[in-house]
Amino acid sequence: MTDTAIQSQTRTEILRFVKRNIRDYALLLSLLVIMVYFQFSTGGTLFMPVNMTNILLQNSYIVVMALGMLLIIVAGHIDLSVGSVAGFIGAVAGVLMVTYKLDVTISVIICLVLGGLIGGAQGYFTAYYRIPAFIVTLAGMLVFKGLALTVLGGASVGPFPKVFQLLSSGYVPDIFGGTLFDTPFNVLAMAIGIITTALIIYFNFVERRDQQAHGLAEEPDIIFMGRNLLVAAAFLGFTFLMARYKGLPNVLVVMFALIALFVFVTTRTTFGRRIYAMGGNEKAAKLSGINTERLTFLTFAIMGVLAALAGLIFAARLNVATPKAGAGFELDVIAACFIGGAATTGGVGKIIGAVIGAFIMGVMNNGMSIMGIGIDLQQVIKGVVLLLAVFLDVYYKNKA
């Protein structure tokens, strides 16, 4: 085979692969384009270290809930109560820590367990009584919104103990005390970023080697290398910005650990594969021996725990528990999942896609706010983006 024929075949394989995976690559490119656009539109404000840290802190609880919501949507359900549950758990945390002076660790454990019980209860009605999740969680949204008001007595409770505030406002301390060009520079944060990037690239190469050994590697070499270079540049660039400010926020460590855990669960465990099987065809999954009722119950319980954690993060960030906390969170969380590639029919979606979707929403919110765009127009733009994302998903699915 001549060099020209080989090059032509390589181009054909690349185009065929990109066509099959255009949704994933389009999503990542969309985030990059949006970030570059707002970087120029805001006069360079977007990529300032303090602003990037703010984007991270402002969207941490959305990302945390999006991890659980993706499982719910992949399983073929929806959860409208996550915002109200987060607000209710924040209210409970406020009463436990501020009013009753209960130990922070014990209070956090109680709140997480309570969140799991709430999610499990909703999952029980959905799984075993076959009540549509839309109805169950809509009722839950109303119930826990009212309970938050009841628990707080209609008034805000705060401030929280300093230790609890560190969940959202604390940073990993720099034990080296470094500087860069006579300005503070968090050497430990940069070191963690380099090590994390190296591990991600290493595991990507290990996975590809295993795929090639079994003849399962579909991604062309040039795309694989380009994707890893892009990931490395993004991670190192982000870490550099964080290091120039205060370093890595504590909530980032929590969020990254959860993302890694859920990526592992959805791609490497039987539990994760069964969720996708159930979402793709529940009857077939049940006939194959999968206990779909228990799986649905556990999925909602996990969502409840994550909603509780998000409520704690939000309360720690505000340093006060308010009756209106969590309002509208469910809309941003659901939008993040659908923008990230989750299918409305279930069975399709990736954790990384949901995370990217959440940051697309977060960067848009931040960029439009800096530009002085009114909240009314912001809602219109976000609605159009969500509709476009779902339209493209349906379009490419019908075209396939």
Protein backbone atom coordinates (compact mmCIF):
# COMPACT_ATOMS: atom_id res chain seq x y z
CA MET A 1 0.00 0.00 0.00
CA THR A 2 1.43 3.40 -1.01
CA ASP A 3 1.97 6.29 1.41
CA THR A 4 -0.87 8.21 -0.26
CA ALA A 5 -3.26 5.29 0.22
CA ILE A 6 -2.20 4.91 3.87
CA GLN A 7 -2.76 8.64 4.49
CA SER A 8 -6.15 8.47 2.79
CA GLN A 9 -7.16 5.46 4.89
CA THR A 10 -5.98 7.22 8.07
CA ARG A 11 -8.02 10.32 7.23
CA THR A 12 -11.06 8.13 6.56
CA GLU A 13 -10.67 6.37 9.91
CA ILE A 14 -10.29 9.68 11.73
CA LEU A 15 -13.39 11.16 10.09
CA ARG A 16 -15.39 8.00 10.79
CA PHE A 17 -14.34 8.04 14.46
CA VAL A 18 -15.09 11.77 14.86
CA LYS A 19 -18.54 11.26 13.33
CA ARG A 20 -19.34 8.49 15.79
CA ASN A 21 -18.13 10.53 18.75
CA ILE A 22 -18.94 14.05 17.59
CA ARG A 23 -21.14 14.70 20.64
CA ASP A 24 -18.24 14.23 23.07
CA TYR A 25 -15.74 16.30 21.13
CA ALA A 26 -18.27 19.02 20.32
CA LEU A 27 -19.00 19.34 24.04
CA LEU A 28 -15.36 19.89 24.99
CA LEU A 29 -14.79 22.27 22.09
CA SER A 30 -17.92 24.20 23.08
CA LEU A 31 -16.52 24.76 26.58
CA LEU A 32 -13.21 25.96 25.14
CA VAL A 33 -14.93 28.30 22.66
CA ILE A 34 -17.19 29.73 25.37
CA MET A 35 -14.23 30.33 27.69
CA VAL A 36 -12.16 32.01 24.96
CA TYR A 37 -15.14 34.16 23.95
CA PHE A 38 -15.78 35.40 27.48
CA GLN A 39 -12.05 35.89 28.07
CA PHE A 40 -12.00 38.47 25.26
CA SER A 41 -15.49 39.84 25.98
CA THR A 42 -14.65 40.51 29.63
CA GLY A 43 -11.30 42.11 28.87
CA GLY A 44 -9.26 39.24 30.30
CA THR A 45 -11.22 39.01 33.56
CA LEU A 46 -12.42 35.42 33.08
CA PHE A 47 -8.99 33.77 33.36
CA MET A 48 -7.86 35.85 36.32
CA PRO A 49 -6.92 33.46 39.17
CA VAL A 50 -9.42 34.98 41.61
CA ASN A 51 -12.25 34.70 39.06
CA MET A 52 -11.43 31.10 38.12
CA THR A 53 -11.49 30.24 41.82
CA ASN A 54 -14.88 31.94 42.14
CA ILE A 55 -16.25 29.96 39.18
CA LEU A 56 -15.11 26.77 40.87
CA LEU A 57 -16.61 27.67 44.25
CA GLN A 58 -19.86 28.92 42.72
CA ASN A 59 -20.41 25.70 40.78
CA SER A 60 -19.00 23.08 43.15
CA TYR A 61 -22.39 22.12 44.59
CA ILE A 62 -23.91 21.96 41.10
CA VAL A 63 -21.15 19.58 39.96
CA VAL A 64 -21.61 17.41 43.06
CA MET A 65 -25.35 17.06 42.42
CA ALA A 66 -24.81 16.55 38.68
CA LEU A 67 -22.86 13.35 39.44
CA GLY A 68 -25.90 11.80 41.11
CA MET A 69 -28.38 13.32 38.67
CA LEU A 70 -26.55 11.71 35.77
CA LEU A 71 -27.08 8.27 37.34
CA ILE A 72 -30.77 9.10 37.83
CA ILE A 73 -31.20 10.22 34.21
CA VAL A 74 -29.20 7.28 32.81
CA ALA A 75 -31.47 4.98 34.83
CA GLY A 76 -34.44 6.54 33.02
CA HIS A 77 -35.74 8.79 35.80
CA ILE A 78 -35.55 12.41 36.95
CA ASP A 79 -35.21 14.08 40.36
CA LEU A 80 -36.82 17.48 40.78
CA SER A 81 -36.29 17.61 44.54
CA VAL A 82 -32.50 17.98 44.72
CA GLY A 83 -32.58 21.76 45.21
CA SER A 84 -35.13 21.57 48.01
CA VAL A 85 -33.32 18.65 49.66
CA ALA A 86 -30.05 20.61 49.56
CA GLY A 87 -31.77 23.63 51.11
CA PHE A 88 -33.45 21.48 53.77
CA ILE A 89 -30.19 19.76 54.72
CA GLY A 90 -28.50 23.15 54.96
CA ALA A 91 -31.27 24.24 57.32
CA VAL A 92 -30.84 21.11 59.45
CA ALA A 93 -27.08 21.71 59.57
CA GLY A 94 -27.69 25.29 60.70
CA VAL A 95 -29.97 24.20 63.53
CA LEU A 96 -27.64 21.40 64.65
CA MET A 97 -24.40 23.41 64.58
CA VAL A 98 -25.59 26.91 65.45
CA THR A 99 -28.71 26.46 67.57
CA TYR A 100 -27.82 23.24 69.40
CA LYS A 101 -24.00 23.64 69.19
CA LEU A 102 -23.59 20.02 68.10
CA ASP A 103 -20.13 18.85 67.01
CA VAL A 104 -19.41 19.63 63.34
CA THR A 105 -18.37 16.08 62.40
CA ILE A 106 -21.42 14.52 64.03
CA SER A 107 -23.68 17.12 62.41
CA VAL A 108 -22.23 16.44 58.95
CA ILE A 109 -22.68 12.67 59.37
CA ILE A 110 -26.30 13.16 60.49
CA CYS A 111 -26.99 15.40 57.48
CA LEU A 112 -25.47 12.97 54.98
CA VAL A 113 -27.40 10.03 56.47
CA LEU A 114 -30.59 12.09 56.42
CA GLY A 115 -29.99 12.93 52.76
CA GLY A 116 -29.52 9.24 51.95
CA LEU A 117 -32.77 8.37 53.77
CA ILE A 118 -34.66 11.06 51.87
CA GLY A 119 -33.30 9.87 48.54
CA GLY A 120 -33.95 6.25 49.47
CA ALA A 121 -37.55 7.02 50.45
CA GLN A 122 -38.21 8.67 47.09
CA GLY A 123 -36.50 5.80 45.32
CA TYR A 124 -38.63 3.31 47.26
CA PHE A 125 -41.88 4.87 46.05
CA THR A 126 -40.52 5.04 42.50
CA ALA A 127 -39.11 1.51 42.41
CA TYR A 128 -41.57 -0.58 44.41
CA TYR A 129 -44.83 1.32 43.93
CA ARG A 130 -44.09 2.28 40.32
CA ILE A 131 -45.04 5.92 40.93
CA PRO A 132 -43.30 8.03 38.25
CA ALA A 133 -40.16 9.69 39.61
CA PHE A 134 -41.36 13.01 38.20
CA ILE A 135 -44.39 12.93 40.53
CA VAL A 136 -42.53 11.56 43.56
CA THR A 137 -39.73 14.12 43.37
CA LEU A 138 -42.10 16.97 42.51
CA ALA A 139 -43.90 16.17 45.75
CA GLY A 140 -40.53 15.97 47.49
CA MET A 141 -39.58 19.38 46.15
CA LEU A 142 -42.66 20.91 47.75
CA VAL A 143 -42.34 18.94 50.98
CA PHE A 144 -38.70 19.77 51.68
CA LYS A 145 -39.07 23.38 50.63
CA GLY A 146 -41.78 23.66 53.29
CA LEU A 147 -39.76 21.70 55.85
CA ALA A 148 -36.78 24.02 55.37
CA LEU A 149 -39.01 26.97 56.24
CA THR A 150 -40.36 25.09 59.25
CA VAL A 151 -36.95 24.05 60.58
CA LEU A 152 -35.58 27.59 60.32
CA GLY A 153 -38.78 29.23 61.49
CA GLY A 154 -38.71 31.46 58.42
CA ALA A 155 -35.43 33.13 59.52
CA SER A 156 -31.78 32.68 58.61
CA VAL A 157 -29.48 30.86 61.03
CA GLY A 158 -25.75 31.54 61.27
CA PRO A 159 -22.84 32.00 61.30
CA PHE A 160 -21.45 28.48 61.17
CA PRO A 161 -18.38 27.30 63.12
CA LYS A 162 -15.04 28.18 61.50
CA VAL A 163 -14.18 24.50 60.99
CA PHE A 164 -17.35 23.93 58.96
CA GLN A 165 -16.72 27.03 56.83
CA LEU A 166 -13.43 25.50 55.69
CA LEU A 167 -15.44 22.99 53.63
CA SER A 168 -16.19 25.71 51.10
CA SER A 169 -13.88 28.61 51.94
CA GLY A 170 -10.71 26.77 53.00
CA TYR A 171 -7.65 25.99 50.87
CA VAL A 172 -5.02 23.27 50.96
CA PRO A 173 -2.13 24.97 52.82
CA ASP A 174 1.22 25.43 51.11
CA ILE A 175 3.82 23.75 53.28
CA PHE A 176 6.63 25.12 51.07
CA GLY A 177 5.72 28.82 51.12
CA GLY A 178 6.92 29.45 47.56
CA THR A 179 7.01 32.58 45.43
CA LEU A 180 7.05 33.29 41.69
CA PHE A 181 8.34 36.62 40.39
CA ASP A 182 8.24 37.99 43.94
CA THR A 183 4.54 37.11 44.31
CA PRO A 184 3.08 34.29 46.46
CA PHE A 185 2.88 30.97 44.59
CA ASN A 186 1.43 27.77 46.05
CA VAL A 187 4.11 25.22 45.22
CA LEU A 188 2.17 22.34 46.79
CA ALA A 189 -0.88 23.07 44.60
CA MET A 190 1.29 23.07 41.48
CA ALA A 191 2.97 19.84 42.55
CA ILE A 192 -0.40 18.17 43.13
CA GLY A 193 -1.55 19.37 39.72
CA ILE A 194 1.53 17.95 37.98
CA ILE A 195 1.24 14.60 39.76
CA THR A 196 -2.51 14.36 39.05
CA THR A 197 -1.97 15.20 35.37
CA ALA A 198 0.78 12.59 35.10
CA LEU A 199 -1.45 9.93 36.69
CA ILE A 200 -4.37 10.73 34.37
CA ILE A 201 -2.15 10.50 31.28
CA TYR A 202 -0.53 7.31 32.59
CA PHE A 203 -3.86 5.57 33.17
CA ASN A 204 -5.07 6.71 29.74
CA PHE A 205 -2.03 5.06 28.13
CA VAL A 206 -2.49 1.91 30.21
CA GLU A 207 -6.13 1.69 29.16
CA ARG A 208 -5.21 2.22 25.51
CA ARG A 209 -2.52 -0.46 25.70
CA ASP A 210 -5.09 -2.91 27.08
CA GLN A 211 -7.54 -1.98 24.33
CA GLN A 212 -4.90 -2.51 21.65
CA ALA A 213 -3.96 -5.86 23.16
CA HIS A 214 -7.56 -7.04 22.78
CA GLY A 215 -8.16 -5.32 19.44
CA LEU A 216 -10.68 -2.89 20.93
CA ALA A 217 -8.86 0.42 20.33
CA GLU A 218 -11.04 2.50 18.00
CA GLU A 219 -9.61 5.96 18.68
CA PRO A 220 -6.93 6.92 16.09
CA ASP A 221 -3.46 7.59 17.51
CA ILE A 222 -3.43 11.23 16.47
CA ILE A 223 -6.74 11.95 18.25
CA PHE A 224 -5.63 10.02 21.32
CA MET A 225 -2.39 12.02 21.54
CA GLY A 226 -4.18 15.31 20.88
CA ARG A 227 -6.79 14.59 23.53
CA ASN A 228 -4.14 13.81 26.14
CA LEU A 229 -2.14 16.92 25.28
CA LEU A 230 -5.30 19.00 25.61
CA VAL A 231 -6.13 17.39 28.98
CA ALA A 232 -2.59 17.98 30.24
CA ALA A 233 -2.61 21.62 29.10
CA ALA A 234 -6.01 22.23 30.70
CA PHE A 235 -5.09 20.63 34.03
CA LEU A 236 -1.69 22.29 34.29
CA GLY A 237 -3.04 25.67 33.21
CA PHE A 238 -5.87 25.50 35.70
CA THR A 239 -3.54 24.42 38.51
CA PHE A 240 -1.14 27.25 37.65
CA LEU A 241 -3.96 29.77 37.99
CA MET A 242 -5.02 28.27 41.32
CA ALA A 243 -1.42 28.31 42.57
CA ARG A 244 -1.11 32.01 41.75
CA TYR A 245 -4.06 32.80 44.01
CA LYS A 246 -4.55 30.82 47.23
CA GLY A 247 -3.98 27.30 45.98
CA LEU A 248 -6.43 24.41 45.71
CA PRO A 249 -9.76 24.95 47.50
CA ASN A 250 -10.81 22.17 49.87
CA VAL A 251 -14.04 21.76 47.96
CA LEU A 252 -12.05 21.09 44.77
CA VAL A 253 -10.33 18.15 46.46
CA VAL A 254 -13.73 16.78 47.53
CA MET A 255 -15.20 17.37 44.08
CA PHE A 256 -12.30 15.78 42.22
CA ALA A 257 -12.36 12.72 44.50
CA LEU A 258 -16.10 12.30 43.83
CA ILE A 259 -15.64 12.70 40.07
CA ALA A 260 -12.90 10.03 40.06
CA LEU A 261 -15.08 7.73 42.17
CA PHE A 262 -18.13 8.08 39.93
CA VAL A 263 -16.10 7.67 36.74
CA PHE A 264 -14.78 4.42 38.21
CA VAL A 265 -18.25 3.28 39.31
CA THR A 266 -19.88 3.97 35.94
CA THR A 267 -17.13 2.48 33.79
CA ARG A 268 -15.54 -0.26 35.88
CA THR A 269 -18.19 -1.78 38.15
CA THR A 270 -21.12 -4.10 37.68
CA PHE A 271 -23.34 -1.61 39.50
CA GLY A 272 -22.57 1.09 36.94
CA ARG A 273 -23.06 -1.18 33.94
CA ARG A 274 -26.40 -2.34 35.32
CA ILE A 275 -27.64 1.25 35.60
CA TYR A 276 -26.91 1.78 31.91
CA ALA A 277 -28.55 -1.53 31.03
CA MET A 278 -31.66 -0.63 33.03
CA GLY A 279 -31.89 2.81 31.44
CA GLY A 280 -31.48 1.36 27.97
CA ASN A 281 -34.19 -1.27 28.37
CA GLU A 282 -35.63 -1.93 31.82
CA LYS A 283 -37.62 -5.01 30.79
CA ALA A 284 -34.61 -6.65 29.17
CA ALA A 285 -32.47 -5.80 32.20
CA LYS A 286 -35.03 -7.38 34.51
CA LEU A 287 -35.26 -10.51 32.38
CA SER A 288 -31.47 -10.82 32.45
CA GLY A 289 -31.58 -11.10 36.24
CA ILE A 290 -30.96 -7.49 37.32
CA ASN A 291 -32.92 -6.41 40.39
CA THR A 292 -34.13 -3.14 38.86
CA GLU A 293 -36.15 -2.15 41.94
CA ARG A 294 -33.13 -2.30 44.24
CA LEU A 295 -30.98 -0.57 41.64
CA THR A 296 -33.45 2.33 41.38
CA PHE A 297 -33.66 2.57 45.16
CA LEU A 298 -29.87 2.74 45.51
CA THR A 299 -29.54 5.29 42.72
CA PHE A 300 -31.97 7.66 44.43
CA ALA A 301 -30.28 7.07 47.80
CA ILE A 302 -26.93 8.09 46.27
CA MET A 303 -28.57 11.18 44.81
CA GLY A 304 -29.91 12.05 48.26
CA VAL A 305 -26.45 11.83 49.85
CA LEU A 306 -24.95 14.03 47.12
CA ALA A 307 -27.79 16.56 47.45
CA ALA A 308 -27.09 16.67 51.19
CA LEU A 309 -23.38 17.22 50.57
CA ALA A 310 -24.18 19.98 48.10
CA GLY A 311 -26.45 21.59 50.70
CA LEU A 312 -23.62 21.52 53.23
CA ILE A 313 -21.16 23.04 50.73
CA PHE A 314 -23.62 25.81 49.86
CA ALA A 315 -24.38 26.56 53.51
CA ALA A 316 -20.65 26.68 54.31
CA ARG A 317 -20.08 29.05 51.40
CA LEU A 318 -22.86 31.43 52.51
CA ASN A 319 -21.94 30.92 56.18
CA VAL A 320 -25.64 30.97 56.94
CA ALA A 321 -28.65 28.67 56.48
CA THR A 322 -31.47 30.46 54.70
CA PRO A 323 -35.04 29.33 53.90
CA LYS A 324 -34.50 30.15 50.21
CA ALA A 325 -31.31 28.09 49.83
CA GLY A 326 -31.41 25.59 46.98
CA ALA A 327 -34.05 27.45 44.95
CA GLY A 328 -33.60 26.61 41.27
CA PHE A 329 -30.63 24.29 41.81
CA GLU A 330 -32.46 21.39 40.22
CA LEU A 331 -32.79 23.31 36.95
CA ASP A 332 -29.05 23.97 36.68
CA VAL A 333 -28.23 20.38 37.65
CA ILE A 334 -30.61 18.81 35.13
CA ALA A 335 -29.48 21.26 32.45
CA ALA A 336 -25.82 20.36 33.13
CA CYS A 337 -26.56 16.66 32.56
CA PHE A 338 -28.47 17.18 29.31
CA ILE A 339 -25.95 19.69 27.97
CA GLY A 340 -23.29 17.14 28.92
CA GLY A 341 -24.80 14.53 26.61
CA ALA A 342 -27.25 12.57 28.77
CA ALA A 343 -30.16 11.24 26.73
CA THR A 344 -33.71 12.12 27.71
CA THR A 345 -34.69 8.48 27.13
CA GLY A 346 -32.09 7.10 29.55
CA GLY A 347 -29.22 4.66 29.05
CA VAL A 348 -26.79 7.27 27.70
CA GLY A 349 -24.52 9.75 29.47
CA LYS A 350 -21.04 10.18 30.91
CA ILE A 351 -19.83 11.60 34.21
CA ILE A 352 -17.22 13.81 32.52
CA GLY A 353 -19.92 15.09 30.17
CA ALA A 354 -22.10 16.14 33.11
CA VAL A 355 -19.11 17.90 34.73
CA ILE A 356 -18.30 19.75 31.51
CA GLY A 357 -21.98 20.64 31.15
CA ALA A 358 -21.99 22.08 34.66
CA PHE A 359 -18.94 24.22 33.92
CA ILE A 360 -20.43 25.39 30.62
CA MET A 361 -23.39 26.71 32.60
CA GLY A 362 -21.05 28.12 35.27
CA VAL A 363 -18.76 29.92 32.81
CA MET A 364 -21.79 31.35 30.99
CA ASN A 365 -23.28 32.62 34.26
CA ASN A 366 -19.99 34.16 35.33
CA GLY A 367 -19.14 35.66 31.95
CA MET A 368 -22.58 37.16 31.39
CA SER A 369 -22.58 38.63 34.91
CA ILE A 370 -19.19 40.28 34.32
CA MET A 371 -20.47 41.70 31.04
CA GLY A 372 -23.45 43.19 32.86
CA ILE A 373 -26.10 41.10 31.10
CA GLY A 374 -29.35 41.13 33.09
CA ILE A 375 -30.58 38.02 34.88
CA ASP A 376 -33.66 37.96 32.63
CA LEU A 377 -31.61 37.71 29.44
CA GLN A 378 -29.26 35.23 31.10
CA GLN A 379 -32.19 32.87 31.70
CA VAL A 380 -33.25 33.19 28.06
CA ILE A 381 -29.73 32.39 26.81
CA LYS A 382 -29.36 29.38 29.12
CA GLY A 383 -32.75 28.07 28.02
CA VAL A 384 -31.75 28.33 24.36
CA VAL A 385 -28.45 26.54 25.05
CA LEU A 386 -30.29 23.70 26.83
CA LEU A 387 -32.81 23.33 23.99
CA LEU A 388 -30.00 23.35 21.42
CA ALA A 389 -28.08 20.66 23.34
CA VAL A 390 -31.10 18.34 23.47
CA PHE A 391 -31.93 19.08 19.82
CA LEU A 392 -28.42 18.10 18.73
CA ASP A 393 -28.62 14.93 20.82
CA VAL A 394 -31.88 13.89 19.15
CA TYR A 395 -30.63 14.96 15.71
CA TYR A 396 -27.47 12.87 15.81
CA LYS A 397 -29.33 9.92 17.35
CA ASN A 398 -31.85 9.91 14.49
CA LYS A 399 -29.08 10.33 11.96
CA ALA A 400 -27.11 7.38 13.30
